[in-house]
Amino acid sequence: MNHRFLFIFLFVFSFSSQAQKVDLLYFTDAHQIYPLDDVEGGRGGMARLKTIVDQMKETNPNTIVLHGGDLCGGVLFGGIYKGFPMIEAFNQIPVDLCNFGQHEFDYGAAHCIHLISKSNAQWFSSNLKNRDGDSFANLPTYIIKEVNDLKIAFLGLTDAMNTSAKDNHVLQEDLIVALTEVMTNEDLKKVDFIVVLSQTNLENNRQILNQFPEIDLILSEEQFEHESNIFYKGSTPIVSTAGNMSSVARISLSKNENPKIDIIPLDHKVASDSTLLTLEQYYQKDMEQQLSRTLSILEVPLSFRNGIEKESLAGNLITDAFREYHQSDVAIINGSGIRTDIPAGNFTVKSARSLLPFGNKICQIALTVSELKEILMSSVEDKNGKLLHVSGISYIYSAKTKEIIIKHENEELKDEEWLTLSLNSYLLNKLEGDYEILIDESQAETDYKILYAYCEKRKTLHPKLENRLIITEE
C-alpha cells in the first residue's frame, strides 16, 4: 500500500513538474530556407528546424518557438525572394514570436510591414519607432506569455539599423533608453522571467545586463558564423546561436530555478521534415534556374573578406562596372556591400547576385575633389566594412597625418576640381551635405544588373590589384 502511494505521489509530482516547465526554442539569422552548403552535409535549413520543433513539442507541449531576427536580405536568397519564403516556412513550423533584425528593413519599412502581415507569428519591438514616436507598425513593445504557472515577459531589441536601407518611416531608439521606458511597466514586475531577444553585439548585451539586472536571460544575435556560445554576465546567460540558422537553443525555464540551456546543431544528423523539405527543394530549384546563365569566365578568384581592410579584386571589378555604366570620372563601393567569395571559372548570374545581394540602385552625383576626400576620410580607418573601393582614381591615406591624396593616372587632383561619381543608393542616403544629384534612386539601375552587362561584354574577367587605395602609418 505504501509503495502504491509512493508511486502515485512520484507520478503526480513528475507530471506537475513537467507541466510547470516551459521550453523556449530559439534561433536567429534565418536568411535562407534550405541549408548552406559550405560545410559537409550543410548547415541550417527550415526542414531540419521543423523536425527539432516537433520533437521538442512532443516531449513538452509547453514549448515556445522564438526567432531573434534577420530573415530578409543579407544573402543572395534574401535578395531574390525578400523574406517571403521564410515567412511561409515560419507559418508551417510554426514560429510563435518574432523580433526584428535590421535586414528586415533592407527593402524599406513598407516592405517589412507587408512581410509581417503574411506572418502568423506575433511580432514585437521594444526600440523601433514610427516617425511619430509610437512603436513601429503599432506593434507591442513587449509580450507576456502565461503558460500554466509561469509568466514570461519577452522584449525585443534591434541594433545597427544604420547598416540597412535608410527609411524615415522606422527609427531606432537607443537600446538603454528604450529599455528604461519599457521596464517601468507594472506588468513586468509580476512575471517569473524577463527574456530579451537582442539583435546586438556582446558588449552591448553586457551593458544591458549591467543596467537592468532584473533581466533573466538574453537571446542574442549570432556572435560567430559557425559557433554557438553561452556567455555570462554574473549568473545571467547570454545565448548566441550560430549564424545562418546553423543551430537552435533550447532553454528550459522552471519557477525559482536558473535557465537550463542546450545547443542543438542543425546539421546533417538532423532528419528533414518531408513537407518543409519539399518547400526547400522548390525554392532551391527555382533559384538555380534563375541564376545558372554564364555571363563570362572569371580567371582569378574573388575574396570579399579582402575588401574589409584593403584593396580587393572584387571591389575593383564592381567599381569598374559602375563607372563604365555612367561614364563617370569615379565610382565607389563600401566593402561591406560585397558579400561573398567567388571561385575562378564560370561567372554566372548567381555569381553577380551573390556579390551584390542587396539590389542597391547605382546613382550619380557631381562633387569636388575636396568633397570626395571627406567621403573617403569618413571610412578609411574603419575595420567593419565601410572602407571604400574605387575606380577612376587612386588614393593614399596617412594614418599619422590624417591626410589623403587623390590621384588620377598618377597626377594629384586639385581640391577645387569637379568630378562625377557613381555610388550605390545606400551610400548616397548616408551622405551629409548638399550634392548635385545627376541620377537619383528613382532613375537608377540596379547594381547587379549593371554588373551583368559589364561582364557579358567581356569573354574573360581578370581584375588586378592596382594600388588604388593605400593606407600608410607614416
Protein backbone atom coordinates (compact mmCIF):
# COMPACT_ATOMS: atom_id res chain seq x y z
CA MET A 1 0.00 0.00 0.00
CA ASN A 2 2.80 2.38 0.92
CA HIS A 3 4.62 1.51 -2.32
CA ARG A 4 1.49 2.25 -4.35
CA PHE A 5 1.08 5.57 -2.58
CA LEU A 6 4.73 6.43 -3.24
CA PHE A 7 4.37 5.55 -6.94
CA ILE A 8 1.26 7.71 -7.31
CA PHE A 9 2.96 10.58 -5.46
CA LEU A 10 6.07 10.42 -7.66
CA PHE A 11 3.97 10.22 -10.83
CA VAL A 12 1.88 13.24 -9.84
CA PHE A 13 5.00 15.16 -8.76
CA SER A 14 6.75 14.36 -12.04
CA PHE A 15 3.70 15.36 -14.09
CA SER A 16 3.31 18.58 -12.12
CA SER A 17 6.99 19.48 -12.58
CA GLN A 18 6.75 18.87 -16.32
CA ALA A 19 3.60 20.97 -16.54
CA GLN A 20 5.35 23.90 -14.82
CA LYS A 21 8.43 23.73 -17.06
CA VAL A 22 8.41 25.85 -20.22
CA ASP A 23 10.88 25.26 -23.03
CA LEU A 24 12.00 28.05 -25.34
CA LEU A 25 13.36 27.10 -28.75
CA TYR A 26 15.41 29.98 -30.10
CA PHE A 27 17.06 30.54 -33.48
CA THR A 28 18.19 33.58 -35.42
CA ASP A 29 19.71 34.76 -38.72
CA ALA A 30 17.33 32.79 -40.95
CA HIS A 31 18.22 34.24 -44.34
CA GLN A 32 17.88 31.09 -46.48
CA ILE A 33 15.21 28.40 -46.44
CA TYR A 34 17.47 25.45 -47.35
CA PRO A 35 20.84 24.50 -45.78
CA LEU A 36 24.03 26.35 -46.64
CA ASP A 37 26.48 24.03 -48.39
CA ASP A 38 29.74 25.47 -47.01
CA VAL A 39 30.29 22.51 -44.63
CA GLU A 40 29.94 18.78 -45.17
CA GLY A 41 26.25 17.86 -45.07
CA GLY A 42 25.22 21.52 -44.96
CA ARG A 43 24.08 23.63 -42.02
CA GLY A 44 20.73 25.16 -41.18
CA GLY A 45 17.54 24.69 -43.14
CA MET A 46 13.89 25.06 -42.18
CA ALA A 47 13.10 21.35 -42.69
CA ARG A 48 15.62 20.39 -40.02
CA LEU A 49 14.29 23.07 -37.70
CA LYS A 50 10.76 21.72 -38.14
CA THR A 51 11.97 18.27 -37.05
CA ILE A 52 13.53 19.68 -33.88
CA VAL A 53 10.43 21.74 -33.07
CA ASP A 54 8.13 18.74 -33.47
CA GLN A 55 10.36 16.56 -31.29
CA MET A 56 10.57 19.17 -28.55
CA LYS A 57 6.82 19.82 -28.56
CA GLU A 58 6.15 16.10 -28.31
CA THR A 59 8.40 15.98 -25.25
CA ASN A 60 6.98 19.18 -23.77
CA PRO A 61 3.84 20.76 -25.27
CA ASN A 62 4.66 23.90 -23.27
CA THR A 63 7.23 24.99 -25.86
CA ILE A 64 7.52 28.50 -27.33
CA VAL A 65 9.38 28.94 -30.64
CA LEU A 66 11.27 32.23 -30.96
CA HIS A 67 13.04 33.92 -33.86
CA GLY A 68 15.60 36.55 -32.90
CA GLY A 69 15.66 38.47 -36.18
CA ASP A 70 17.04 38.68 -39.74
CA LEU A 71 15.05 36.68 -42.28
CA CYS A 72 15.25 39.08 -45.21
CA GLY A 73 18.12 40.43 -47.32
CA GLY A 74 21.75 39.95 -46.32
CA VAL A 75 22.44 37.00 -48.62
CA LEU A 76 21.62 36.02 -52.20
CA PHE A 77 18.47 34.07 -51.30
CA GLY A 78 17.16 37.02 -49.31
CA GLY A 79 17.97 39.39 -52.15
CA ILE A 80 15.93 37.38 -54.63
CA TYR A 81 12.90 36.44 -52.53
CA LYS A 82 12.99 39.26 -49.96
CA GLY A 83 11.89 37.15 -47.00
CA PHE A 84 8.58 35.71 -48.19
CA PRO A 85 9.68 32.03 -48.35
CA MET A 86 10.91 32.32 -44.77
CA ILE A 87 7.53 33.60 -43.60
CA GLU A 88 5.88 30.72 -45.47
CA ALA A 89 8.12 28.26 -43.63
CA PHE A 90 7.72 30.03 -40.27
CA ASN A 91 3.95 29.60 -40.56
CA GLN A 92 4.32 25.87 -41.14
CA ILE A 93 6.70 25.26 -38.22
CA PRO A 94 5.00 27.32 -36.56
CA VAL A 95 7.08 30.13 -35.01
CA ASP A 96 5.32 31.86 -32.12
CA LEU A 97 7.22 35.12 -31.51
CA CYS A 98 9.49 37.21 -33.75
CA ASN A 99 11.85 40.08 -33.10
CA PHE A 100 13.28 42.25 -35.89
CA GLY A 101 16.78 42.23 -37.32
CA GLN A 102 17.99 45.19 -39.34
CA HIS A 103 17.83 43.15 -42.55
CA GLU A 104 14.03 43.05 -42.33
CA PHE A 105 14.29 46.68 -43.48
CA ASP A 106 16.70 46.19 -46.41
CA TYR A 107 13.82 46.90 -48.80
CA GLY A 108 12.18 49.60 -46.72
CA ALA A 109 9.68 49.82 -43.88
CA ALA A 110 6.66 49.38 -46.16
CA HIS A 111 8.06 46.08 -47.45
CA CYS A 112 8.71 44.95 -43.88
CA ILE A 113 5.12 45.72 -42.85
CA HIS A 114 3.82 43.81 -45.88
CA LEU A 115 6.11 40.90 -44.99
CA ILE A 116 4.94 40.59 -41.39
CA SER A 117 1.30 40.91 -42.50
CA LYS A 118 1.77 37.45 -44.06
CA SER A 119 3.11 36.03 -40.80
CA ASN A 120 1.10 34.10 -38.23
CA ALA A 121 3.69 34.83 -35.53
CA GLN A 122 3.39 37.70 -33.06
CA TRP A 123 5.96 40.39 -33.87
CA PHE A 124 7.10 42.95 -31.32
CA SER A 125 9.80 45.56 -30.76
CA SER A 126 10.90 47.49 -27.71
CA ASN A 127 13.03 50.09 -29.51
CA LEU A 128 11.89 50.52 -33.12
CA LYS A 129 9.62 53.53 -33.60
CA ASN A 130 7.40 55.16 -36.19
CA ARG A 131 8.14 58.75 -37.15
CA ASP A 132 5.51 59.92 -34.63
CA GLY A 133 7.36 58.17 -31.79
CA ASP A 134 4.92 55.29 -31.37
CA SER A 135 6.15 51.71 -31.64
CA PHE A 136 6.93 50.57 -35.18
CA ALA A 137 3.81 49.43 -37.05
CA ASN A 138 1.97 49.94 -33.74
CA LEU A 139 3.28 46.59 -32.52
CA PRO A 140 3.55 45.75 -28.82
CA THR A 141 6.78 46.75 -27.07
CA TYR A 142 6.73 43.53 -25.05
CA ILE A 143 4.84 40.25 -24.89
CA ILE A 144 3.86 38.32 -21.77
CA LYS A 145 3.16 34.61 -22.16
CA GLU A 146 1.45 32.80 -19.29
CA VAL A 147 1.88 29.05 -19.52
CA ASN A 148 0.38 27.18 -16.58
CA ASP A 149 2.00 28.73 -13.52
CA LEU A 150 4.81 30.55 -15.35
CA LYS A 151 4.62 34.13 -16.60
CA ILE A 152 7.37 35.05 -19.07
CA ALA A 153 7.94 38.53 -20.49
CA PHE A 154 9.65 38.92 -23.87
CA LEU A 155 11.30 42.16 -25.00
CA GLY A 156 12.86 42.77 -28.43
CA LEU A 157 15.81 44.98 -29.37
CA THR A 158 17.20 45.81 -32.82
CA ASP A 159 20.57 47.48 -33.37
CA ALA A 160 22.66 48.56 -36.39
CA MET A 161 19.72 49.95 -38.35
CA ASN A 162 22.26 52.27 -39.99
CA THR A 163 23.50 49.24 -41.96
CA SER A 164 20.11 48.72 -43.61
CA ALA A 165 18.18 50.88 -46.07
CA LYS A 166 17.64 54.44 -44.91
CA ASP A 167 13.91 54.88 -44.31
CA ASN A 168 12.40 57.67 -42.25
CA HIS A 169 9.35 55.51 -41.53
CA VAL A 170 11.30 53.47 -38.97
CA LEU A 171 13.64 54.88 -36.34
CA GLN A 172 15.94 53.07 -33.94
CA GLU A 173 15.75 54.27 -30.36
CA ASP A 174 18.82 53.85 -28.16
CA LEU A 175 18.71 50.39 -26.57
CA ILE A 176 19.17 51.57 -22.98
CA VAL A 177 16.71 54.45 -23.38
CA ALA A 178 14.09 52.11 -24.83
CA LEU A 179 14.53 49.52 -22.08
CA THR A 180 14.36 52.21 -19.39
CA GLU A 181 10.95 53.18 -20.72
CA VAL A 182 9.60 49.66 -21.23
CA MET A 183 10.83 48.29 -17.91
CA THR A 184 8.67 50.78 -15.99
CA ASN A 185 5.55 48.83 -16.97
CA GLU A 186 3.92 47.34 -13.89
CA ASP A 187 3.17 44.13 -15.81
CA LEU A 188 6.88 43.34 -15.96
CA LYS A 189 7.15 43.40 -12.18
CA LYS A 190 4.72 40.50 -11.90
CA VAL A 191 6.46 37.93 -14.11
CA ASP A 192 8.69 34.98 -13.31
CA PHE A 193 11.18 35.60 -16.14
CA ILE A 194 12.19 38.56 -18.28
CA VAL A 195 13.72 37.43 -21.59
CA VAL A 196 15.28 39.86 -24.08
CA LEU A 197 15.66 38.97 -27.76
CA SER A 198 18.58 41.15 -28.71
CA GLN A 199 19.97 41.86 -32.16
CA THR A 200 23.17 43.50 -30.95
CA ASN A 201 26.74 42.63 -30.01
CA LEU A 202 28.10 41.02 -26.87
CA GLU A 203 29.42 44.24 -25.35
CA ASN A 204 26.02 45.93 -25.64
CA ASN A 205 24.31 42.88 -24.17
CA ARG A 206 26.58 43.02 -21.14
CA GLN A 207 25.91 46.73 -20.73
CA ILE A 208 22.18 45.98 -20.83
CA LEU A 209 22.53 43.43 -18.03
CA ASN A 210 24.67 45.81 -16.03
CA GLN A 211 21.93 48.44 -16.31
CA PHE A 212 18.99 46.04 -15.83
CA PRO A 213 19.99 43.17 -13.51
CA GLU A 214 16.34 42.09 -13.29
CA ILE A 215 16.64 40.61 -16.81
CA ASP A 216 16.92 36.81 -16.50
CA LEU A 217 18.08 35.84 -19.99
CA ILE A 218 19.32 37.42 -23.23
CA LEU A 219 18.87 35.59 -26.53
CA SER A 220 21.32 37.36 -28.80
CA GLU A 221 22.18 37.62 -32.46
CA GLU A 222 25.00 35.41 -33.70
CA GLN A 223 28.43 36.49 -32.49
CA PHE A 224 30.22 33.95 -34.72
CA GLU A 225 29.10 32.44 -38.01
CA HIS A 226 29.98 28.82 -37.24
CA GLU A 227 29.94 28.82 -33.44
CA SER A 228 27.22 28.82 -30.81
CA ASN A 229 28.09 30.37 -27.46
CA ILE A 230 26.69 30.85 -23.99
CA PHE A 231 28.24 33.90 -22.35
CA TYR A 232 27.50 35.16 -18.85
CA LYS A 233 27.24 38.47 -17.07
CA GLY A 234 27.40 37.28 -13.49
CA SER A 235 24.97 34.37 -13.44
CA THR A 236 22.76 35.68 -16.27
CA PRO A 237 23.21 33.84 -19.58
CA ILE A 238 23.60 35.47 -22.99
CA VAL A 239 22.79 32.81 -25.58
CA SER A 240 24.18 33.26 -29.09
CA THR A 241 23.33 30.60 -31.65
CA ALA A 242 25.41 30.22 -34.82
CA GLY A 243 24.89 32.31 -37.95
CA ASN A 244 22.53 31.43 -40.78
CA MET A 245 20.32 29.35 -38.51
CA SER A 246 23.08 26.76 -38.01
CA SER A 247 21.85 25.86 -34.53
CA VAL A 248 18.90 26.22 -32.20
CA ALA A 249 18.98 26.78 -28.44
CA ARG A 250 16.62 25.03 -26.05
CA ILE A 251 16.16 26.92 -22.80
CA SER A 252 14.18 25.22 -20.04
CA LEU A 253 12.51 27.56 -17.56
CA SER A 254 11.13 26.45 -14.21
CA LYS A 255 9.94 28.63 -11.37
CA ASN A 256 12.67 29.67 -8.91
CA GLU A 257 15.39 27.97 -10.97
CA ASN A 258 18.09 29.26 -13.29
CA PRO A 259 17.53 28.64 -17.02
CA LYS A 260 18.89 25.33 -18.32
CA ILE A 261 20.38 25.66 -21.81
CA ASP A 262 21.20 23.16 -24.56
CA ILE A 263 22.55 23.97 -28.03
CA ILE A 264 21.30 21.75 -30.85
CA PRO A 265 23.23 21.91 -34.16
CA LEU A 266 21.06 21.95 -37.29
CA ASP A 267 23.43 19.72 -39.23
CA HIS A 268 23.21 16.59 -41.39
CA LYS A 269 22.49 14.46 -38.31
CA VAL A 270 19.03 16.04 -38.03
CA ALA A 271 16.44 14.49 -40.34
CA SER A 272 14.48 16.86 -42.57
CA ASP A 273 10.72 17.17 -42.22
CA SER A 274 9.24 15.94 -45.51
CA THR A 275 6.79 18.80 -46.03
CA LEU A 276 9.34 21.53 -45.40
CA LEU A 277 11.92 19.61 -47.43
CA THR A 278 9.60 19.80 -50.44
CA LEU A 279 9.34 23.56 -49.94
CA GLU A 280 13.13 23.87 -49.65
CA GLN A 281 13.65 21.87 -52.84
CA TYR A 282 11.14 24.00 -54.74
CA TYR A 283 12.96 27.23 -53.92
CA GLN A 284 16.40 25.73 -54.46
CA LYS A 285 15.42 24.54 -57.95
CA ASP A 286 13.72 27.84 -58.77
CA MET A 287 16.78 29.83 -57.71
CA GLU A 288 19.18 27.60 -59.64
CA GLN A 289 17.10 28.08 -62.80
CA GLN A 290 17.18 31.84 -62.39
CA LEU A 291 20.89 32.03 -61.70
CA SER A 292 22.60 29.43 -63.90
CA ARG A 293 23.28 31.58 -67.00
CA THR A 294 27.01 32.17 -67.61
CA LEU A 295 27.99 35.81 -68.16
CA SER A 296 31.77 35.47 -68.57
CA ILE A 297 34.81 33.46 -67.47
CA LEU A 298 36.49 34.61 -64.26
CA GLU A 299 40.22 33.87 -64.41
CA VAL A 300 41.02 34.70 -60.76
CA PRO A 301 39.07 34.02 -57.56
CA LEU A 302 37.43 36.90 -55.70
CA SER A 303 37.50 37.21 -51.91
CA PHE A 304 35.04 39.56 -50.27
CA ARG A 305 36.94 39.47 -46.95
CA ASN A 306 39.92 41.20 -48.55
CA GLY A 307 37.73 44.23 -49.13
CA ILE A 308 37.17 44.91 -45.44
CA GLU A 309 40.62 46.41 -44.83
CA LYS A 310 42.37 46.75 -48.20
CA GLU A 311 42.04 46.90 -51.97
CA SER A 312 40.32 43.84 -53.40
CA LEU A 313 39.81 42.28 -56.82
CA ALA A 314 36.06 42.16 -56.23
CA GLY A 315 35.96 45.86 -55.34
CA ASN A 316 37.94 46.78 -58.46
CA LEU A 317 35.72 44.70 -60.75
CA ILE A 318 32.49 46.10 -59.36
CA THR A 319 33.53 49.77 -59.31
CA ASP A 320 34.87 49.47 -62.86
CA ALA A 321 31.42 48.26 -63.91
CA PHE A 322 29.64 51.13 -62.15
CA ARG A 323 31.98 53.77 -63.59
CA GLU A 324 31.68 52.43 -67.14
CA TYR A 325 27.89 52.31 -66.96
CA HIS A 326 27.57 56.04 -66.20
CA GLN A 327 30.82 57.09 -67.90
CA SER A 328 31.64 58.71 -64.56
CA ASP A 329 35.03 60.02 -63.50
CA VAL A 330 34.95 57.94 -60.32
CA ALA A 331 32.97 55.06 -58.80
CA ILE A 332 32.96 53.78 -55.22
CA ILE A 333 31.51 50.90 -53.21
CA ASN A 334 31.69 50.09 -49.50
CA GLY A 335 33.48 46.85 -48.65
CA SER A 336 30.51 45.52 -46.68
CA GLY A 337 28.36 45.78 -49.80
CA ILE A 338 30.36 42.90 -51.33
CA ARG A 339 29.06 39.75 -49.68
CA THR A 340 30.73 36.51 -50.77
CA ASP A 341 33.72 34.74 -52.30
CA ILE A 342 33.55 33.77 -55.97
CA PRO A 343 35.82 30.99 -57.32
CA ALA A 344 37.56 31.20 -60.68
CA GLY A 345 35.58 29.66 -63.54
CA ASN A 346 32.16 30.39 -64.99
CA PHE A 347 30.96 33.78 -63.76
CA THR A 348 27.18 33.39 -63.72
CA VAL A 349 24.12 35.42 -62.84
CA LYS A 350 24.39 33.72 -59.45
CA SER A 351 27.96 34.99 -59.07
CA ALA A 352 26.90 38.58 -59.70
CA ARG A 353 23.85 38.35 -57.43
CA SER A 354 25.94 36.73 -54.68
CA LEU A 355 28.45 39.57 -54.78
CA LEU A 356 25.69 42.20 -54.71
CA PRO A 357 22.65 40.65 -52.97
CA PHE A 358 21.05 43.87 -51.69
CA GLY A 359 19.90 45.18 -55.05
CA ASN A 360 21.00 48.77 -54.44
CA LYS A 361 20.48 51.38 -57.13
CA ILE A 362 23.56 52.98 -58.71
CA CYS A 363 23.19 56.75 -58.66
CA GLN A 364 25.41 59.57 -59.89
CA ILE A 365 26.36 62.87 -58.29
CA ALA A 366 28.70 65.77 -59.04
CA LEU A 367 31.17 66.93 -56.41
CA THR A 368 34.58 68.49 -55.91
CA VAL A 369 37.78 66.61 -55.12
CA SER A 370 37.68 68.20 -51.68
CA GLU A 371 34.21 66.76 -51.07
CA LEU A 372 35.32 63.34 -52.31
CA LYS A 373 38.21 63.45 -49.83
CA GLU A 374 35.72 63.98 -47.00
CA ILE A 375 33.72 60.94 -48.13
CA LEU A 376 36.83 58.75 -48.32
CA MET A 377 38.16 60.05 -44.99
CA SER A 378 34.94 59.11 -43.20
CA SER A 379 35.58 55.42 -43.79
CA VAL A 380 39.28 54.93 -44.41
CA GLU A 381 40.19 53.69 -40.91
CA ASP A 382 37.09 51.54 -40.44
CA LYS A 383 37.65 47.80 -39.96
CA ASN A 384 34.00 46.77 -40.25
CA GLY A 385 33.34 47.06 -43.96
CA LYS A 386 32.96 50.79 -44.54
CA LEU A 387 36.27 51.07 -46.43
CA LEU A 388 35.53 52.48 -49.87
CA HIS A 389 36.84 50.81 -53.02
CA VAL A 390 37.34 53.00 -56.06
CA SER A 391 37.62 53.11 -59.83
CA GLY A 392 38.97 56.01 -61.90
CA ILE A 393 41.27 57.27 -59.16
CA SER A 394 43.71 56.05 -56.54
CA TYR A 395 44.12 57.46 -53.05
CA ILE A 396 46.80 57.40 -50.38
CA TYR A 397 45.92 57.97 -46.74
CA SER A 398 48.40 58.69 -43.95
CA ALA A 399 47.21 57.43 -40.57
CA LYS A 400 49.84 59.64 -38.94
CA THR A 401 48.97 62.98 -40.55
CA LYS A 402 45.29 62.15 -41.23
CA GLU A 403 45.73 63.46 -44.77
CA ILE A 404 44.56 61.96 -48.03
CA ILE A 405 45.87 62.43 -51.57
CA ILE A 406 43.74 61.59 -54.61
CA LYS A 407 45.39 60.86 -57.94
CA HIS A 408 44.24 60.20 -61.49
CA GLU A 409 46.78 58.49 -63.75
CA ASN A 410 49.49 59.33 -61.17
CA GLU A 411 48.63 63.05 -61.21
CA GLU A 412 47.40 64.55 -57.95
CA LEU A 413 43.98 66.16 -58.31
CA LYS A 414 43.34 69.66 -57.01
CA ASP A 415 40.69 70.18 -54.34
CA GLU A 416 38.64 72.56 -56.48
CA GLU A 417 38.33 70.21 -59.47
CA TRP A 418 34.88 68.80 -60.22
CA LEU A 419 34.14 65.10 -60.71
CA THR A 420 31.19 62.87 -61.45
CA LEU A 421 30.78 59.97 -59.03
CA SER A 422 28.81 56.71 -59.31
CA LEU A 423 27.76 55.22 -55.97
CA ASN A 424 25.03 53.00 -54.62
CA SER A 425 21.85 54.32 -53.05
CA TYR A 426 22.91 53.02 -49.63
CA LEU A 427 25.95 55.32 -49.62
CA LEU A 428 24.09 58.20 -51.21
CA ASN A 429 21.46 58.17 -48.48
CA LYS A 430 24.17 58.40 -45.83
CA LEU A 431 25.98 61.40 -47.29
CA GLU A 432 25.84 64.57 -45.25
CA GLY A 433 25.70 67.86 -47.12
CA ASP A 434 24.20 69.05 -50.37
CA TYR A 435 25.42 67.41 -53.56
CA GLU A 436 24.24 67.86 -57.11
CA ILE A 437 22.39 64.63 -57.88
CA LEU A 438 22.60 63.78 -61.57
CA ILE A 439 20.86 60.38 -61.40
CA ASP A 440 18.70 59.75 -58.34
CA GLU A 441 17.36 56.46 -56.99
CA SER A 442 14.13 56.67 -59.00
CA GLN A 443 16.10 56.89 -62.28
CA ALA A 444 18.91 54.50 -61.40
CA GLU A 445 19.62 50.92 -62.48
CA THR A 446 20.15 48.06 -60.01
CA ASP A 447 23.76 47.25 -59.10
CA TYR A 448 23.80 43.58 -60.10
CA LYS A 449 22.18 44.33 -63.47
CA ILE A 450 24.99 46.77 -64.22
CA LEU A 451 27.49 44.07 -63.28
CA TYR A 452 25.68 41.59 -65.58
CA ALA A 453 26.04 43.93 -68.56
CA TYR A 454 29.68 44.72 -67.82
CA CYS A 455 30.64 41.04 -67.58
CA GLU A 456 28.66 39.95 -70.65
CA LYS A 457 30.63 42.40 -72.79
CA ARG A 458 33.83 40.56 -71.90
CA LYS A 459 34.70 36.95 -72.69
CA THR A 460 37.03 36.83 -69.71
CA LEU A 461 37.39 38.73 -66.43
CA HIS A 462 40.81 39.25 -64.90
CA PRO A 463 40.69 42.09 -62.35
CA LYS A 464 44.04 43.15 -60.89
CA LEU A 465 45.31 44.88 -57.78
CA GLU A 466 46.50 48.31 -58.93
CA ASN A 467 47.32 50.20 -55.71
CA ARG A 468 44.03 52.05 -55.98
CA LEU A 469 43.95 52.55 -52.22
CA ILE A 470 46.97 52.69 -49.95
CA ILE A 471 46.85 53.22 -46.20
CA THR A 472 50.18 54.02 -44.54
CA GLU A 473 51.22 54.54 -40.93
CA GLU A 474 53.59 57.34 -41.94
